[in-house]
Amino acid sequence: MSITWDSVSEGDEIGSLTKKPGVSQLVKYAAGSGDFNPLHHDYAFPQSKALGSIIVHGRFKYASLGEAVSNWLGHAGRIRKLSCQYRGMDFPDREMSVGGRVKRKYEEHGAKLVELELWTTNDEGKNTTPGTAIVELNA
């Protein structure tokens, strides 16, 4: 079902994604993003040793939020703004849930806009990456 202005209500969930990036996926992400910080792929790196693990790239989590919004939106509009804060670490080979809900629906200068509240939660249920998005619906 395609999203329409009339079908969207405040409080609606946008659906969720489950991510479980392994070391290979993180190395591939590093190659694509140019972020080769050893904290994301080298267990022998001093910071990784201190944490007991490498960690998932913050920008990987940001991209996952964008994927969740894009999946929900389909071709019914465009993402105007996407932002997040990194408030906790996620570790490889552990599940992260990515989701969101409609926070506000409004019109501005003739545009039909929807504000979304977004998050990634780790396997302990902690919101490690809260975020927001503004999407513009086609009509």
N, C-alpha and C. Protein backbone atom coordinates (compact mmCIF):
# COMPACT_ATOMS: atom_id res chain seq x y z
N MET A 1 0.84 -1.19 0.00
CA MET A 1 0.00 0.00 0.00
C MET A 1 0.88 1.24 0.00
N SER A 2 0.56 2.16 -0.86
CA SER A 2 1.32 3.40 -0.97
C SER A 2 0.85 4.40 0.09
N ILE A 3 1.80 5.13 0.63
CA ILE A 3 1.50 6.17 1.62
C ILE A 3 0.83 7.35 0.92
N THR A 4 -0.24 7.85 1.50
CA THR A 4 -0.90 9.07 1.02
C THR A 4 -1.10 10.00 2.21
N TRP A 5 -1.35 11.24 1.91
CA TRP A 5 -1.60 12.22 2.97
C TRP A 5 -2.74 11.77 3.88
N ASP A 6 -3.81 11.28 3.27
CA ASP A 6 -4.98 10.87 4.05
C ASP A 6 -4.75 9.59 4.85
N SER A 7 -3.81 8.75 4.41
CA SER A 7 -3.58 7.48 5.10
C SER A 7 -2.62 7.59 6.29
N VAL A 8 -1.95 8.74 6.43
CA VAL A 8 -0.97 8.92 7.50
C VAL A 8 -1.62 9.59 8.71
N SER A 9 -1.37 9.03 9.89
CA SER A 9 -1.87 9.63 11.14
C SER A 9 -0.75 9.71 12.15
N GLU A 10 -0.83 10.74 12.99
CA GLU A 10 0.15 10.86 14.07
C GLU A 10 0.08 9.62 14.95
N GLY A 11 1.25 9.10 15.30
CA GLY A 11 1.33 7.89 16.11
C GLY A 11 1.54 6.62 15.30
N ASP A 12 1.31 6.68 13.98
CA ASP A 12 1.53 5.51 13.12
C ASP A 12 2.99 5.07 13.18
N GLU A 13 3.21 3.77 13.24
CA GLU A 13 4.56 3.20 13.14
C GLU A 13 4.94 3.13 11.66
N ILE A 14 6.22 3.30 11.36
CA ILE A 14 6.66 3.25 9.96
C ILE A 14 7.17 1.88 9.56
N GLY A 15 7.14 0.94 10.47
CA GLY A 15 7.71 -0.38 10.19
C GLY A 15 9.12 -0.42 10.74
N SER A 16 9.70 -1.59 10.76
CA SER A 16 11.02 -1.70 11.34
C SER A 16 11.93 -2.57 10.48
N LEU A 17 13.21 -2.42 10.71
CA LEU A 17 14.25 -3.22 10.09
C LEU A 17 15.06 -3.86 11.20
N THR A 18 15.58 -5.02 10.94
CA THR A 18 16.53 -5.63 11.86
C THR A 18 17.87 -5.73 11.14
N LYS A 19 18.89 -5.22 11.78
CA LYS A 19 20.24 -5.25 11.23
C LYS A 19 21.12 -6.05 12.18
N LYS A 20 22.04 -6.80 11.62
CA LYS A 20 23.00 -7.56 12.41
C LYS A 20 24.33 -7.57 11.64
N PRO A 21 24.95 -6.38 11.54
CA PRO A 21 26.16 -6.29 10.71
C PRO A 21 27.32 -7.08 11.33
N GLY A 22 27.95 -7.87 10.50
CA GLY A 22 29.14 -8.60 10.93
C GLY A 22 30.39 -7.82 10.54
N VAL A 23 31.53 -8.33 10.89
CA VAL A 23 32.79 -7.64 10.61
C VAL A 23 32.96 -7.43 9.11
N SER A 24 32.63 -8.43 8.30
CA SER A 24 32.77 -8.28 6.84
C SER A 24 31.94 -7.12 6.32
N GLN A 25 30.70 -7.00 6.81
CA GLN A 25 29.85 -5.90 6.36
C GLN A 25 30.43 -4.57 6.82
N LEU A 26 30.99 -4.51 8.00
CA LEU A 26 31.59 -3.26 8.49
C LEU A 26 32.81 -2.87 7.66
N VAL A 27 33.60 -3.86 7.24
CA VAL A 27 34.76 -3.57 6.40
C VAL A 27 34.29 -3.06 5.04
N LYS A 28 33.25 -3.67 4.49
CA LYS A 28 32.70 -3.19 3.22
C LYS A 28 32.15 -1.78 3.37
N TYR A 29 31.49 -1.51 4.50
CA TYR A 29 30.96 -0.17 4.75
C TYR A 29 32.12 0.83 4.84
N ALA A 30 33.21 0.43 5.50
CA ALA A 30 34.38 1.29 5.60
C ALA A 30 34.92 1.63 4.21
N ALA A 31 34.95 0.64 3.33
CA ALA A 31 35.43 0.88 1.96
C ALA A 31 34.53 1.85 1.22
N GLY A 32 33.22 1.70 1.39
CA GLY A 32 32.27 2.58 0.71
C GLY A 32 32.24 3.98 1.27
N SER A 33 32.44 4.10 2.58
CA SER A 33 32.32 5.40 3.23
C SER A 33 33.66 6.12 3.38
N GLY A 34 34.74 5.36 3.28
CA GLY A 34 36.07 5.96 3.50
C GLY A 34 36.43 6.07 4.97
N ASP A 35 35.62 5.51 5.85
CA ASP A 35 35.88 5.57 7.30
C ASP A 35 36.59 4.29 7.73
N PHE A 36 37.92 4.34 7.67
CA PHE A 36 38.73 3.17 8.02
C PHE A 36 39.26 3.24 9.44
N ASN A 37 38.57 3.93 10.33
CA ASN A 37 38.97 3.97 11.72
C ASN A 37 39.06 2.53 12.22
N PRO A 38 40.22 2.13 12.77
CA PRO A 38 40.37 0.74 13.22
C PRO A 38 39.38 0.33 14.31
N LEU A 39 38.76 1.27 14.96
CA LEU A 39 37.76 0.95 15.97
C LEU A 39 36.58 0.19 15.38
N HIS A 40 36.43 0.25 14.05
CA HIS A 40 35.31 -0.41 13.38
C HIS A 40 35.67 -1.77 12.77
N HIS A 41 36.97 -2.16 12.81
CA HIS A 41 37.32 -3.43 12.16
C HIS A 41 38.49 -4.18 12.79
N ASP A 42 39.23 -3.55 13.68
CA ASP A 42 40.45 -4.17 14.22
C ASP A 42 40.31 -4.43 15.72
N TYR A 43 40.10 -5.70 16.06
CA TYR A 43 39.94 -6.07 17.47
C TYR A 43 41.20 -5.81 18.29
N ALA A 44 42.36 -5.71 17.64
CA ALA A 44 43.62 -5.47 18.34
C ALA A 44 43.88 -3.98 18.60
N PHE A 45 43.09 -3.12 18.00
CA PHE A 45 43.23 -1.67 18.20
C PHE A 45 43.02 -1.36 19.68
N PRO A 46 43.87 -0.52 20.29
CA PRO A 46 43.77 -0.28 21.74
C PRO A 46 42.36 0.10 22.23
N GLN A 47 41.65 0.97 21.52
CA GLN A 47 40.29 1.34 21.97
C GLN A 47 39.35 0.14 21.87
N SER A 48 39.51 -0.68 20.84
CA SER A 48 38.67 -1.89 20.72
C SER A 48 38.95 -2.83 21.88
N LYS A 49 40.22 -2.97 22.21
CA LYS A 49 40.58 -3.83 23.35
C LYS A 49 39.95 -3.33 24.64
N ALA A 50 39.99 -2.00 24.83
CA ALA A 50 39.43 -1.42 26.06
C ALA A 50 37.92 -1.64 26.13
N LEU A 51 37.23 -1.58 24.96
CA LEU A 51 35.78 -1.79 24.92
C LEU A 51 35.41 -3.27 24.94
N GLY A 52 36.36 -4.10 24.54
CA GLY A 52 36.09 -5.53 24.42
C GLY A 52 35.56 -5.91 23.06
N SER A 53 35.45 -4.94 22.14
CA SER A 53 34.94 -5.22 20.81
C SER A 53 35.17 -4.02 19.90
N ILE A 54 35.04 -4.27 18.62
CA ILE A 54 34.92 -3.17 17.67
C ILE A 54 33.48 -2.67 17.75
N ILE A 55 33.19 -1.52 17.11
CA ILE A 55 31.82 -0.99 17.15
C ILE A 55 31.33 -0.69 15.74
N VAL A 56 30.02 -0.66 15.60
CA VAL A 56 29.37 -0.33 14.33
C VAL A 56 29.55 1.16 14.07
N HIS A 57 29.82 1.51 12.81
CA HIS A 57 29.95 2.91 12.40
C HIS A 57 28.66 3.68 12.74
N GLY A 58 28.81 4.87 13.25
CA GLY A 58 27.64 5.72 13.47
C GLY A 58 26.91 5.99 12.17
N ARG A 59 27.67 6.24 11.10
CA ARG A 59 27.05 6.53 9.82
C ARG A 59 26.32 5.32 9.24
N PHE A 60 26.71 4.11 9.63
CA PHE A 60 25.96 2.91 9.23
C PHE A 60 24.57 2.96 9.85
N LYS A 61 24.52 3.37 11.12
CA LYS A 61 23.23 3.48 11.80
C LYS A 61 22.39 4.60 11.19
N TYR A 62 23.03 5.71 10.84
CA TYR A 62 22.35 6.83 10.17
C TYR A 62 21.76 6.36 8.84
N ALA A 63 22.55 5.62 8.07
CA ALA A 63 22.08 5.10 6.78
C ALA A 63 20.91 4.13 6.99
N SER A 64 20.96 3.35 8.06
CA SER A 64 19.87 2.42 8.36
C SER A 64 18.58 3.16 8.68
N LEU A 65 18.69 4.29 9.38
CA LEU A 65 17.50 5.12 9.63
C LEU A 65 16.93 5.62 8.31
N GLY A 66 17.80 6.07 7.42
CA GLY A 66 17.36 6.53 6.11
C GLY A 66 16.70 5.42 5.31
N GLU A 67 17.23 4.21 5.41
CA GLU A 67 16.64 3.06 4.72
C GLU A 67 15.22 2.79 5.24
N ALA A 68 15.05 2.85 6.55
CA ALA A 68 13.72 2.62 7.14
C ALA A 68 12.72 3.66 6.65
N VAL A 69 13.13 4.93 6.62
CA VAL A 69 12.24 6.00 6.15
C VAL A 69 11.92 5.81 4.67
N SER A 70 12.94 5.52 3.88
CA SER A 70 12.76 5.32 2.45
C SER A 70 11.83 4.14 2.16
N ASN A 71 12.00 3.05 2.90
CA ASN A 71 11.12 1.89 2.72
C ASN A 71 9.67 2.24 3.01
N TRP A 72 9.45 3.01 4.08
CA TRP A 72 8.09 3.42 4.45
C TRP A 72 7.50 4.36 3.39
N LEU A 73 8.31 5.31 2.96
CA LEU A 73 7.84 6.34 2.03
C LEU A 73 7.61 5.79 0.62
N GLY A 74 8.43 4.85 0.21
CA GLY A 74 8.32 4.34 -1.16
C GLY A 74 8.53 5.48 -2.15
N HIS A 75 7.66 5.53 -3.14
CA HIS A 75 7.75 6.59 -4.15
C HIS A 75 6.69 7.66 -3.92
N ALA A 76 6.19 7.74 -2.69
CA ALA A 76 5.10 8.65 -2.38
C ALA A 76 5.58 10.04 -1.98
N GLY A 77 6.88 10.29 -2.04
CA GLY A 77 7.41 11.59 -1.66
C GLY A 77 8.91 11.56 -1.58
N ARG A 78 9.46 12.49 -0.80
CA ARG A 78 10.93 12.56 -0.66
C ARG A 78 11.31 12.91 0.76
N ILE A 79 12.51 12.52 1.12
CA ILE A 79 13.05 12.87 2.44
C ILE A 79 13.66 14.26 2.32
N ARG A 80 13.15 15.19 3.11
CA ARG A 80 13.69 16.55 3.11
C ARG A 80 14.86 16.68 4.09
N LYS A 81 14.73 16.01 5.23
CA LYS A 81 15.75 16.15 6.28
C LYS A 81 15.81 14.86 7.08
N LEU A 82 17.03 14.46 7.42
CA LEU A 82 17.26 13.29 8.25
C LEU A 82 18.39 13.62 9.20
N SER A 83 18.18 13.41 10.48
CA SER A 83 19.24 13.68 11.45
C SER A 83 19.16 12.67 12.59
N CYS A 84 20.28 12.51 13.27
CA CYS A 84 20.30 11.61 14.43
C CYS A 84 21.43 12.02 15.37
N GLN A 85 21.40 11.43 16.53
CA GLN A 85 22.45 11.61 17.55
C GLN A 85 22.97 10.23 17.92
N TYR A 86 24.26 10.13 18.13
CA TYR A 86 24.87 8.86 18.52
C TYR A 86 25.00 8.86 20.04
N ARG A 87 24.16 8.07 20.69
CA ARG A 87 24.09 8.07 22.14
C ARG A 87 24.54 6.77 22.77
N GLY A 88 24.93 5.82 21.95
CA GLY A 88 25.38 4.54 22.48
C GLY A 88 26.05 3.73 21.38
N MET A 89 26.81 2.76 21.79
CA MET A 89 27.54 1.93 20.85
C MET A 89 26.75 0.67 20.52
N ASP A 90 26.87 0.26 19.27
CA ASP A 90 26.32 -1.01 18.83
C ASP A 90 27.50 -1.87 18.39
N PHE A 91 27.36 -3.17 18.59
CA PHE A 91 28.47 -4.08 18.35
C PHE A 91 28.14 -5.05 17.23
N PRO A 92 29.16 -5.51 16.51
CA PRO A 92 28.91 -6.43 15.40
C PRO A 92 28.32 -7.75 15.88
N ASP A 93 27.60 -8.37 14.96
CA ASP A 93 26.98 -9.68 15.20
C ASP A 93 25.93 -9.66 16.31
N ARG A 94 25.44 -8.47 16.63
CA ARG A 94 24.34 -8.34 17.59
C ARG A 94 23.23 -7.54 16.91
N GLU A 95 22.00 -7.95 17.15
CA GLU A 95 20.88 -7.32 16.46
C GLU A 95 20.64 -5.88 16.89
N MET A 96 20.33 -5.06 15.90
CA MET A 96 19.87 -3.69 16.10
C MET A 96 18.51 -3.60 15.43
N SER A 97 17.56 -2.97 16.08
CA SER A 97 16.25 -2.73 15.48
C SER A 97 16.18 -1.26 15.08
N VAL A 98 15.68 -1.01 13.91
CA VAL A 98 15.57 0.34 13.37
C VAL A 98 14.09 0.60 13.12
N GLY A 99 13.59 1.71 13.64
CA GLY A 99 12.17 1.99 13.46
C GLY A 99 11.84 3.44 13.65
N GLY A 100 10.54 3.72 13.64
CA GLY A 100 10.09 5.08 13.82
C GLY A 100 8.57 5.17 13.85
N ARG A 101 8.12 6.38 14.12
CA ARG A 101 6.68 6.63 14.13
C ARG A 101 6.42 8.07 13.69
N VAL A 102 5.20 8.30 13.25
CA VAL A 102 4.79 9.64 12.82
C VAL A 102 4.59 10.49 14.07
N LYS A 103 5.35 11.56 14.14
CA LYS A 103 5.26 12.47 15.28
C LYS A 103 4.28 13.60 14.99
N ARG A 104 4.32 14.09 13.75
CA ARG A 104 3.49 15.25 13.41
C ARG A 104 3.21 15.25 11.91
N LYS A 105 2.03 15.71 11.56
CA LYS A 105 1.60 15.84 10.17
C LYS A 105 1.14 17.28 10.00
N TYR A 106 1.69 17.99 9.03
CA TYR A 106 1.35 19.40 8.89
C TYR A 106 1.57 19.89 7.46
N GLU A 107 1.01 21.05 7.17
CA GLU A 107 1.21 21.67 5.87
C GLU A 107 1.97 22.97 6.07
N GLU A 108 2.87 23.25 5.12
CA GLU A 108 3.68 24.47 5.20
C GLU A 108 3.96 24.95 3.78
N HIS A 109 3.54 26.16 3.46
CA HIS A 109 3.73 26.74 2.13
C HIS A 109 3.23 25.80 1.04
N GLY A 110 2.11 25.15 1.29
CA GLY A 110 1.50 24.26 0.32
C GLY A 110 2.07 22.85 0.28
N ALA A 111 3.12 22.61 1.04
CA ALA A 111 3.73 21.28 1.07
C ALA A 111 3.09 20.43 2.18
N LYS A 112 2.87 19.17 1.89
CA LYS A 112 2.32 18.23 2.87
C LYS A 112 3.50 17.51 3.52
N LEU A 113 3.74 17.83 4.80
CA LEU A 113 4.93 17.35 5.50
C LEU A 113 4.57 16.41 6.64
N VAL A 114 5.48 15.48 6.89
CA VAL A 114 5.34 14.55 8.00
C VAL A 114 6.67 14.52 8.75
N GLU A 115 6.60 14.75 10.05
CA GLU A 115 7.78 14.65 10.90
C GLU A 115 7.77 13.27 11.55
N LEU A 116 8.91 12.59 11.47
CA LEU A 116 9.05 11.26 12.03
C LEU A 116 10.02 11.26 13.19
N GLU A 117 9.72 10.48 14.20
CA GLU A 117 10.64 10.19 15.30
C GLU A 117 11.26 8.84 14.95
N LEU A 118 12.59 8.75 15.00
CA LEU A 118 13.31 7.55 14.59
C LEU A 118 14.20 7.03 15.71
N TRP A 119 14.63 5.78 15.58
CA TRP A 119 15.53 5.20 16.57
C TRP A 119 16.20 3.94 16.05
N THR A 120 17.34 3.63 16.66
CA THR A 120 17.89 2.28 16.59
C THR A 120 18.01 1.83 18.04
N THR A 121 17.61 0.61 18.29
CA THR A 121 17.75 0.04 19.63
C THR A 121 18.64 -1.18 19.53
N ASN A 122 19.47 -1.35 20.55
CA ASN A 122 20.36 -2.51 20.56
C ASN A 122 19.62 -3.73 21.11
N ASP A 123 20.34 -4.84 21.22
CA ASP A 123 19.70 -6.08 21.66
C ASP A 123 19.30 -6.07 23.14
N GLU A 124 19.66 -5.01 23.85
CA GLU A 124 19.23 -4.84 25.24
C GLU A 124 18.06 -3.87 25.33
N GLY A 125 17.59 -3.37 24.19
CA GLY A 125 16.46 -2.45 24.16
C GLY A 125 16.82 -0.98 24.36
N LYS A 126 18.10 -0.66 24.41
CA LYS A 126 18.54 0.73 24.60
C LYS A 126 18.53 1.47 23.27
N ASN A 127 17.94 2.67 23.27
CA ASN A 127 17.93 3.52 22.08
C ASN A 127 19.32 4.14 21.94
N THR A 128 20.09 3.63 21.00
CA THR A 128 21.46 4.11 20.82
C THR A 128 21.57 5.24 19.81
N THR A 129 20.54 5.41 18.98
CA THR A 129 20.62 6.41 17.92
C THR A 129 19.25 7.05 17.70
N PRO A 130 18.84 7.98 18.55
CA PRO A 130 17.57 8.66 18.30
C PRO A 130 17.72 9.63 17.12
N GLY A 131 16.65 9.77 16.36
CA GLY A 131 16.72 10.66 15.21
C GLY A 131 15.37 11.20 14.83
N THR A 132 15.38 12.05 13.81
CA THR A 132 14.15 12.62 13.27
C THR A 132 14.29 12.72 11.75
N ALA A 133 13.16 12.79 11.10
CA ALA A 133 13.13 13.02 9.66
C ALA A 133 11.93 13.89 9.33
N ILE A 134 12.06 14.67 8.28
CA ILE A 134 10.94 15.40 7.70
C ILE A 134 10.80 14.87 6.28
N VAL A 135 9.60 14.40 5.96
CA VAL A 135 9.35 13.93 4.59
C VAL A 135 8.23 14.77 3.99
N GLU A 136 8.33 14.95 2.69
CA GLU A 136 7.29 15.67 1.94
C GLU A 136 6.56 14.66 1.08
N LEU A 137 5.26 14.58 1.26
CA LEU A 137 4.44 13.66 0.47
C LEU A 137 4.07 14.31 -0.85
N ASN A 138 3.93 13.49 -1.88
CA ASN A 138 3.61 14.00 -3.22
C ASN A 138 2.27 14.71 -3.24
N ALA A 139 1.27 14.15 -2.61
CA ALA A 139 -0.03 14.81 -2.59
C ALA A 139 -0.97 14.13 -1.62
